């Protein structure tokens, strides 16, 4: 879940409306024991995660390719499910054309369906498959919400964590409406994202909200956020021209 310590770190990050820059959750290199093994041997594609050009997708699988009995991992006859506590569980960006895994993603989705009860993985692509957003969420919060920029071969060339951006804007909305709520934002509130979108130019939009679960004492807040991701040197993406609309505090 989205811990108070992680949220506090996000809120202390220097942000401005004109330029936001945040550290992302880095994809890792494919382990040597998987690099030359067909991706279909150790992972399965998550439904709805394929890029528009059909070449790339997000998959779930095992970091050990030998001896995977996928028939035993069927989820009620519809898709596949891996024990979420398994130390071998991985999420990977795969090249469907070459049947190879390109990178290990930081998300921890555990099946080929997009949603399992309160857990879900939303993947959004730009039309030309040059940008991808992955958002993993639970009932009350999002654990990961990251934008990645890819080259033509699917290599990650830039990244940006969306959760600190969302958290900052949600807290600022609360400050204007309820000072008491703003004071406990980092310790009581959960933050979640939905409806991620990105276009070929790196223009990003998403909805986000913050609430104190099962509490009537503190208000919830919902926002729509838009910005343009600008590529910097060293693989960093910077959020510029940020705009917040349809703010709602209830």
Protein backbone atom coordinates (compact mmCIF):
# COMPACT_ATOMS: atom_id res chain seq x y z
CA UNK A 1 0.00 0.00 0.00
CA UNK A 2 0.98 3.64 -0.26
CA UNK A 3 2.80 4.22 3.04
CA UNK A 4 2.84 7.50 5.01
CA UNK A 5 6.64 7.64 4.76
CA UNK A 6 6.52 7.37 0.98
CA UNK A 7 3.83 10.03 0.76
CA UNK A 8 5.76 12.37 3.06
CA UNK A 9 8.82 12.04 0.84
CA UNK A 10 6.71 12.94 -2.14
CA UNK A 11 5.27 16.02 -0.48
CA UNK A 12 8.68 17.32 0.56
CA UNK A 13 9.92 17.17 -3.02
CA UNK A 14 10.33 20.69 -4.47
CA UNK A 15 7.56 21.25 -6.99
CA UNK A 16 6.24 24.23 -8.92
CA UNK A 17 3.40 24.81 -11.32
CA UNK A 18 5.77 25.65 -14.14
CA UNK A 19 8.14 22.72 -13.79
CA UNK A 20 7.78 19.44 -11.88
CA UNK A 21 10.54 16.86 -11.79
CA UNK A 22 10.29 13.60 -9.86
CA UNK A 23 12.30 10.40 -9.51
CA UNK A 24 10.52 7.45 -11.06
CA UNK A 25 10.40 3.74 -10.26
CA UNK A 26 13.13 2.45 -12.54
CA UNK A 27 12.65 -0.64 -14.71
CA UNK A 28 15.44 -3.15 -14.13
CA UNK A 29 17.44 -5.04 -16.70
CA UNK A 30 16.24 -8.52 -17.53
CA UNK A 31 18.24 -11.07 -15.47
CA UNK A 32 20.82 -13.01 -17.42
CA UNK A 33 18.92 -16.28 -16.97
CA UNK A 34 15.92 -14.76 -18.80
CA UNK A 35 17.58 -12.58 -21.42
CA UNK A 36 17.84 -15.28 -24.10
CA UNK A 37 14.74 -17.26 -23.14
CA UNK A 38 11.48 -16.69 -25.04
CA UNK A 39 9.23 -14.48 -22.92
CA UNK A 40 6.35 -16.89 -23.47
CA UNK A 41 8.28 -19.50 -21.46
CA UNK A 42 8.12 -17.58 -18.18
CA UNK A 43 5.42 -14.90 -18.46
CA UNK A 44 1.93 -14.22 -19.78
CA UNK A 45 0.54 -11.00 -21.24
CA UNK A 46 -1.84 -8.86 -19.18
CA UNK A 47 -5.09 -8.29 -21.05
CA UNK A 48 -5.48 -4.81 -22.51
CA UNK A 49 -1.81 -3.92 -22.04
CA UNK A 50 -0.58 -4.19 -25.65
CA UNK A 51 0.77 -1.13 -27.43
CA UNK A 52 -1.22 0.29 -30.38
CA UNK A 53 1.32 -1.04 -32.89
CA UNK A 54 0.92 -4.49 -31.36
CA UNK A 55 4.60 -4.93 -30.64
CA UNK A 56 4.89 -4.37 -26.87
CA UNK A 57 2.88 -5.39 -23.82
CA UNK A 58 3.08 -5.82 -20.05
CA UNK A 59 3.32 -9.41 -18.81
CA UNK A 60 3.36 -11.20 -15.45
CA UNK A 61 5.48 -14.22 -14.76
CA UNK A 62 8.34 -15.85 -12.89
CA UNK A 63 11.98 -14.88 -12.66
CA UNK A 64 12.79 -18.60 -13.03
CA UNK A 65 11.81 -19.90 -16.46
CA UNK A 66 12.18 -23.62 -15.77
CA UNK A 67 9.29 -25.81 -14.72
CA UNK A 68 6.41 -23.30 -14.90
CA UNK A 69 3.16 -25.28 -15.16
CA UNK A 70 0.75 -22.65 -16.45
CA UNK A 71 -2.23 -25.01 -16.37
CA UNK A 72 -1.95 -25.09 -12.58
CA UNK A 73 -2.06 -21.30 -12.54
CA UNK A 74 -5.39 -20.91 -14.32
CA UNK A 75 -7.72 -18.41 -12.63
CA UNK A 76 -11.16 -20.01 -12.61
CA UNK A 77 -10.72 -20.86 -16.29
CA UNK A 78 -10.12 -17.23 -17.26
CA UNK A 79 -6.54 -16.08 -17.44
CA UNK A 80 -3.66 -16.91 -15.09
CA UNK A 81 -2.91 -16.00 -11.49
CA UNK A 82 0.40 -16.07 -9.62
CA UNK A 83 0.74 -16.00 -5.84
CA UNK A 84 1.25 -12.33 -5.01
CA UNK A 85 3.65 -13.29 -2.21
CA UNK A 86 5.90 -15.35 -4.46
CA UNK A 87 9.50 -14.05 -4.44
CA UNK A 88 9.71 -15.12 -8.09
CA UNK A 89 6.84 -12.89 -9.27
CA UNK A 90 7.87 -10.32 -11.88
CA UNK A 91 6.17 -7.84 -14.19
CA UNK A 92 7.95 -7.33 -17.48
CA UNK A 93 7.74 -5.21 -20.59
CA UNK A 94 7.85 -7.67 -23.48
CA UNK A 95 8.52 -7.48 -27.19
CA UNK A 96 5.71 -9.58 -28.66
CA UNK A 97 7.33 -9.69 -32.11
CA UNK A 98 10.63 -11.11 -30.88
CA UNK A 99 9.12 -13.01 -27.91
CA UNK A 100 11.63 -11.45 -25.53
CA UNK A 101 11.38 -9.60 -22.23
CA UNK A 102 12.86 -6.09 -22.43
CA UNK A 103 12.79 -4.90 -18.81
CA UNK A 104 11.51 -5.85 -15.36
CA UNK A 105 8.92 -3.29 -14.30
CA UNK A 106 8.52 -2.10 -10.70
CA UNK A 107 4.80 -2.94 -10.62
CA UNK A 108 3.68 -6.09 -8.77
CA UNK A 109 0.53 -7.15 -10.61
CA UNK A 110 -0.06 -10.87 -10.17
CA UNK A 111 -2.28 -12.07 -13.00
CA UNK A 112 -3.25 -11.72 -16.64
CA UNK A 113 -6.61 -10.08 -15.89
CA UNK A 114 -6.59 -6.33 -15.44
CA UNK A 115 -8.46 -6.53 -12.12
CA UNK A 116 -8.60 -8.95 -9.20
CA UNK A 117 -11.15 -7.75 -6.64
CA UNK A 118 -9.58 -4.53 -5.28
CA UNK A 119 -6.25 -4.80 -7.14
CA UNK A 120 -5.85 -3.56 -10.71
CA UNK A 121 -3.28 -2.63 -13.34
CA UNK A 122 -4.14 0.09 -15.87
CA UNK A 123 -1.82 0.55 -18.87
CA UNK A 124 -2.11 3.49 -21.28
CA UNK A 125 -0.11 4.04 -24.48
CA UNK A 126 0.42 6.90 -26.86
CA UNK A 127 -0.82 6.26 -30.40
CA UNK A 128 2.70 5.77 -31.77
CA UNK A 129 3.73 3.49 -28.85
CA UNK A 130 6.48 5.90 -27.73
CA UNK A 131 5.03 6.55 -24.25
CA UNK A 132 3.47 4.22 -21.70
CA UNK A 133 1.79 4.78 -18.32
CA UNK A 134 1.30 1.96 -15.81
CA UNK A 135 -0.87 2.45 -12.71
CA UNK A 136 -1.21 -0.31 -10.13
CA UNK A 137 -3.92 0.32 -7.54
CA UNK A 138 -5.65 -1.29 -4.60
CA UNK A 139 -8.97 -0.42 -2.95
CA UNK A 140 -7.89 2.89 -1.43
CA UNK A 141 -4.64 3.86 -3.10
CA UNK A 142 -2.22 3.49 -6.01
CA UNK A 143 1.13 1.85 -5.34
CA UNK A 144 2.67 2.79 -8.69
CA UNK A 145 1.84 5.37 -11.33
CA UNK A 146 4.72 5.88 -13.72
CA UNK A 147 5.20 7.36 -17.19
CA UNK A 148 7.89 5.83 -19.39
CA UNK A 149 9.25 7.04 -22.73
CA UNK A 150 10.43 4.28 -25.07
CA UNK A 151 12.56 4.13 -28.19
CA UNK A 152 11.56 2.12 -31.27
CA UNK A 153 13.00 -1.08 -29.81
CA UNK A 154 11.13 -0.72 -26.53
CA UNK A 155 14.09 0.48 -24.47
CA UNK A 156 13.17 2.93 -21.71
CA UNK A 157 14.76 6.32 -22.37
CA UNK A 158 12.90 8.47 -19.83
CA UNK A 159 10.59 8.13 -16.84
CA UNK A 160 8.50 10.15 -14.43
CA UNK A 161 6.71 9.18 -11.20
CA UNK A 162 3.15 10.55 -11.27
CA UNK A 163 2.29 9.96 -7.59
CA UNK A 164 4.29 12.88 -6.14
CA UNK A 165 2.71 15.20 -8.72
CA UNK A 166 -0.78 14.01 -7.79
CA UNK A 167 -0.07 14.18 -4.05
CA UNK A 168 1.22 17.75 -4.23
CA UNK A 169 -1.79 19.02 -6.14
CA UNK A 170 -4.29 17.19 -3.93
CA UNK A 171 -2.73 18.58 -0.78
CA UNK A 172 -2.73 22.10 -2.20
CA UNK A 173 -6.45 21.74 -2.97
CA UNK A 174 -7.10 20.70 0.63
CA UNK A 175 -5.05 23.59 2.00
CA UNK A 176 -7.42 26.02 0.29
CA UNK A 177 -10.53 24.32 1.64
CA UNK A 178 -9.73 22.65 4.96
CA UNK A 179 -6.61 23.52 6.93
CA UNK A 180 -7.25 20.75 9.46
CA UNK A 181 -7.34 18.13 6.73
CA UNK A 182 -4.19 19.47 5.11
CA UNK A 183 -2.30 19.07 8.39
CA UNK A 184 -2.92 15.32 8.47
CA UNK A 185 -2.60 14.73 4.73
CA UNK A 186 0.73 12.91 4.92
CA UNK A 187 -0.33 10.62 7.79
CA UNK A 188 -4.02 9.90 7.17
CA UNK A 189 -4.80 10.28 3.47
CA UNK A 190 -4.52 7.67 0.73
CA UNK A 191 -3.85 8.81 -2.87
CA UNK A 192 -5.02 7.08 -6.04
CA UNK A 193 -4.92 7.70 -9.80
CA UNK A 194 -7.19 6.58 -12.62
CA UNK A 195 -7.95 7.26 -16.29
CA UNK A 196 -4.31 7.77 -17.36
CA UNK A 197 -3.76 9.06 -20.89
CA UNK A 198 -0.70 10.12 -22.91
CA UNK A 199 -0.23 11.21 -26.52
CA UNK A 200 2.68 11.09 -28.96
CA UNK A 201 3.97 14.48 -27.77
CA UNK A 202 4.14 13.34 -24.15
CA UNK A 203 1.04 15.24 -23.02
CA UNK A 204 -0.33 13.44 -19.97
CA UNK A 205 -3.67 13.54 -18.20
CA UNK A 206 -5.15 11.60 -15.30
CA UNK A 207 -7.73 11.81 -12.54
CA UNK A 208 -6.60 11.59 -8.93
CA UNK A 209 -8.18 11.69 -5.53
CA UNK A 210 -7.29 11.57 -1.86
CA UNK A 211 -9.38 10.34 1.03
CA UNK A 212 -9.16 9.02 4.56
CA UNK A 213 -10.64 5.53 4.29
CA UNK A 214 -13.85 4.93 6.23
CA UNK A 215 -13.78 8.40 7.76
CA UNK A 216 -16.48 11.07 7.79
CA UNK A 217 -14.29 13.52 9.69
CA UNK A 218 -12.01 14.52 6.82
CA UNK A 219 -13.08 15.60 3.32
CA UNK A 220 -12.05 13.83 0.14
CA UNK A 221 -10.68 15.69 -2.87
CA UNK A 222 -10.74 14.86 -6.58
CA UNK A 223 -8.74 16.55 -9.36
CA UNK A 224 -7.96 16.26 -13.05
CA UNK A 225 -4.30 16.92 -13.84
CA UNK A 226 -2.67 17.68 -17.19
CA UNK A 227 0.94 18.40 -18.12
CA UNK A 228 3.52 17.87 -20.82
CA UNK A 229 6.48 15.59 -20.19
CA UNK A 230 9.74 17.09 -21.43
CA UNK A 231 12.76 14.84 -21.94
CA UNK A 232 15.95 15.91 -20.17
CA UNK A 233 19.44 14.46 -20.27
CA UNK A 234 20.15 11.36 -18.23
CA UNK A 235 16.78 9.70 -18.78
CA UNK A 236 14.76 12.15 -16.70
CA UNK A 237 11.37 13.46 -17.73
CA UNK A 238 10.19 16.82 -16.42
CA UNK A 239 6.53 17.81 -16.13
CA UNK A 240 5.87 21.27 -17.56
CA UNK A 241 2.79 23.39 -18.27
CA UNK A 242 0.89 21.75 -15.45
CA UNK A 243 -2.84 22.48 -15.20
CA UNK A 244 -5.34 21.32 -12.60
CA UNK A 245 -9.06 21.39 -13.33
CA UNK A 246 -12.38 20.28 -11.90
CA UNK A 247 -11.10 20.35 -8.34
CA UNK A 248 -13.73 19.03 -5.93
CA UNK A 249 -13.59 18.83 -2.14
CA UNK A 250 -16.39 16.90 -0.45
